[in-house]
Every structure is written in structure tokens, then in C-alpha cells.
């Protein structure tokens, strides 16, 4: 079982943060199994990344190699350096 180092709460925002081209292309090319409404909601969510030391969009966190899972608004992160 993978162990996590950080438990990060998800923050709801009024306005979506900008996604990088890399994340947008991964989102378009990948069959996520998520509907458009769910993705639109996730675009307005953010987390305080302990690795990058700044607030990032949740969808960027979702595609990170340190992402383990999200349960009830808490993201579990491995916390390993890139």
C-alpha cells in the first residue's frame, strides 16, 4: 500500500485558475470517465501544493505523479520531489 506524506484540503474558488497546456492536452486525450459538468466543477477547485509551494488547480494535482487519491475533499499526496 502506498503511504502518503500530506493531506491537503481542496479549496473551492469563484473563478477557475489557468491550466497549463500540458494538463489541458492530457485532459482532452485521456478517457477520464468524468462528465463535462464534473470537469467544469473541478476547474474551480485548487490545492496548496506542498512540493511547488503555491496554489495550483486541482486538475494539475490530479495528473501529478505524487497524487494518490481524493476522498471527501482531501487530497492524499506522496510528497516526493519531482
C-alpha atoms as a PDB file:
ATOM      1  CA  UNK A   1       0.000   0.000   0.000  1.00  0.00           C
ATOM      2  CA  UNK A   2       1.286   3.449  -0.887  1.00  0.00           C
ATOM      3  CA  UNK A   3       1.868   5.786   2.029  1.00  0.00           C
ATOM      4  CA  UNK A   4       1.158   9.485   1.858  1.00  0.00           C
ATOM      5  CA  UNK A   5       3.020  12.350   3.436  1.00  0.00           C
ATOM      6  CA  UNK A   6       0.485  15.164   3.025  1.00  0.00           C
ATOM      7  CA  UNK A   7      -3.265  15.510   3.417  1.00  0.00           C
ATOM      8  CA  UNK A   8      -4.285  18.628   1.512  1.00  0.00           C
ATOM      9  CA  UNK A   9      -7.808  20.114   1.642  1.00  0.00           C
ATOM     10  CA  UNK A  10      -9.437  21.085  -1.649  1.00  0.00           C
ATOM     11  CA  UNK A  11     -10.447  24.768  -1.842  1.00  0.00           C
ATOM     12  CA  UNK A  12     -13.438  25.946  -3.894  1.00  0.00           C
ATOM     13  CA  UNK A  13     -12.804  29.110  -5.901  1.00  0.00           C
ATOM     14  CA  UNK A  14     -15.140  31.632  -7.531  1.00  0.00           C
ATOM     15  CA  UNK A  15     -13.054  31.738 -10.709  1.00  0.00           C
ATOM     16  CA  UNK A  16     -11.004  28.935 -12.275  1.00  0.00           C
ATOM     17  CA  UNK A  17      -7.210  29.054 -12.226  1.00  0.00           C
ATOM     18  CA  UNK A  18      -5.363  28.832 -15.526  1.00  0.00           C
ATOM     19  CA  UNK A  19      -4.384  25.321 -16.616  1.00  0.00           C
ATOM     20  CA  UNK A  20      -1.125  24.647 -18.412  1.00  0.00           C
ATOM     21  CA  UNK A  21      -1.170  23.398 -21.999  1.00  0.00           C
ATOM     22  CA  UNK A  22       0.216  20.067 -20.819  1.00  0.00           C
ATOM     23  CA  UNK A  23      -2.673  19.474 -18.401  1.00  0.00           C
ATOM     24  CA  UNK A  24      -5.274  20.570 -20.960  1.00  0.00           C
ATOM     25  CA  UNK A  25      -3.882  18.177 -23.565  1.00  0.00           C
ATOM     26  CA  UNK A  26      -3.836  15.299 -21.052  1.00  0.00           C
ATOM     27  CA  UNK A  27      -7.422  16.057 -20.122  1.00  0.00           C
ATOM     28  CA  UNK A  28      -8.543  16.087 -23.766  1.00  0.00           C
ATOM     29  CA  UNK A  29      -6.601  12.974 -24.813  1.00  0.00           C
ATOM     30  CA  UNK A  30      -7.433  10.854 -21.787  1.00  0.00           C
ATOM     31  CA  UNK A  31     -10.626   8.936 -21.183  1.00  0.00           C
ATOM     32  CA  UNK A  32     -11.140  10.112 -17.609  1.00  0.00           C
ATOM     33  CA  UNK A  33     -14.647   8.744 -17.223  1.00  0.00           C
ATOM     34  CA  UNK A  34     -15.683  12.150 -15.906  1.00  0.00           C
ATOM     35  CA  UNK A  35     -18.533  14.136 -17.371  1.00  0.00           C
ATOM     36  CA  UNK A  36     -18.262  17.708 -18.595  1.00  0.00           C
ATOM     37  CA  UNK A  37     -20.135  19.026 -15.538  1.00  0.00           C
ATOM     38  CA  UNK A  38     -17.726  17.329 -13.147  1.00  0.00           C
ATOM     39  CA  UNK A  39     -14.698  18.662 -15.025  1.00  0.00           C
ATOM     40  CA  UNK A  40     -16.211  22.166 -15.044  1.00  0.00           C
ATOM     41  CA  UNK A  41     -16.661  21.934 -11.269  1.00  0.00           C
ATOM     42  CA  UNK A  42     -13.098  20.647 -10.775  1.00  0.00           C
ATOM     43  CA  UNK A  43     -11.717  23.571 -12.784  1.00  0.00           C
ATOM     44  CA  UNK A  44     -12.909  25.851  -9.963  1.00  0.00           C
ATOM     45  CA  UNK A  45     -11.060  23.867  -7.299  1.00  0.00           C
ATOM     46  CA  UNK A  46      -7.492  24.331  -6.092  1.00  0.00           C
ATOM     47  CA  UNK A  47      -4.990  22.915  -3.602  1.00  0.00           C
ATOM     48  CA  UNK A  48      -1.966  24.361  -1.800  1.00  0.00           C
ATOM     49  CA  UNK A  49       0.805  22.205  -3.265  1.00  0.00           C
ATOM     50  CA  UNK A  50       3.470  21.368  -0.643  1.00  0.00           C
ATOM     51  CA  UNK A  51       6.000  20.498  -3.361  1.00  0.00           C
ATOM     52  CA  UNK A  52       5.628  23.605  -5.544  1.00  0.00           C
ATOM     53  CA  UNK A  53       4.867  25.848  -2.518  1.00  0.00           C
ATOM     54  CA  UNK A  54       1.953  27.574  -4.264  1.00  0.00           C
ATOM     55  CA  UNK A  55      -1.726  27.192  -5.061  1.00  0.00           C
ATOM     56  CA  UNK A  56      -2.385  25.070  -8.130  1.00  0.00           C
ATOM     57  CA  UNK A  57      -5.569  23.939  -9.914  1.00  0.00           C
ATOM     58  CA  UNK A  58      -6.867  20.581  -8.706  1.00  0.00           C
ATOM     59  CA  UNK A  59      -6.744  19.150 -12.235  1.00  0.00           C
ATOM     60  CA  UNK A  60      -2.984  19.802 -12.311  1.00  0.00           C
ATOM     61  CA  UNK A  61      -2.699  17.956  -9.000  1.00  0.00           C
ATOM     62  CA  UNK A  62      -4.785  15.093 -10.406  1.00  0.00           C
ATOM     63  CA  UNK A  63      -2.200  14.422 -13.146  1.00  0.00           C
ATOM     64  CA  UNK A  64       0.790  14.767 -10.789  1.00  0.00           C
ATOM     65  CA  UNK A  65       2.922  11.683 -10.076  1.00  0.00           C
ATOM     66  CA  UNK A  66       2.562  12.310  -6.318  1.00  0.00           C
ATOM     67  CA  UNK A  67      -1.257  12.165  -6.410  1.00  0.00           C
ATOM     68  CA  UNK A  68      -2.631   9.075  -4.650  1.00  0.00           C
ATOM     69  CA  UNK A  69      -6.345   9.726  -4.165  1.00  0.00           C
ATOM     70  CA  UNK A  70      -9.003  12.246  -3.242  1.00  0.00           C
ATOM     71  CA  UNK A  71     -11.528  11.334  -0.556  1.00  0.00           C
ATOM     72  CA  UNK A  72     -14.188  13.715   0.805  1.00  0.00           C
ATOM     73  CA  UNK A  73     -12.365  16.876  -0.253  1.00  0.00           C
ATOM     74  CA  UNK A  74      -8.924  15.770   0.967  1.00  0.00           C
ATOM     75  CA  UNK A  75      -6.082  15.019  -1.472  1.00  0.00           C
ATOM     76  CA  UNK A  76      -3.505  12.460  -0.360  1.00  0.00           C
ATOM     77  CA  UNK A  77      -0.033  13.276  -1.705  1.00  0.00           C
ATOM     78  CA  UNK A  78       3.172  11.209  -1.624  1.00  0.00           C
ATOM     79  CA  UNK A  79       5.258  14.375  -1.223  1.00  0.00           C
ATOM     80  CA  UNK A  80       8.248  13.123  -3.215  1.00  0.00           C
ATOM     81  CA  UNK A  81      10.389  15.629  -5.139  1.00  0.00           C
ATOM     82  CA  UNK A  82       9.980  15.700  -8.927  1.00  0.00           C
END
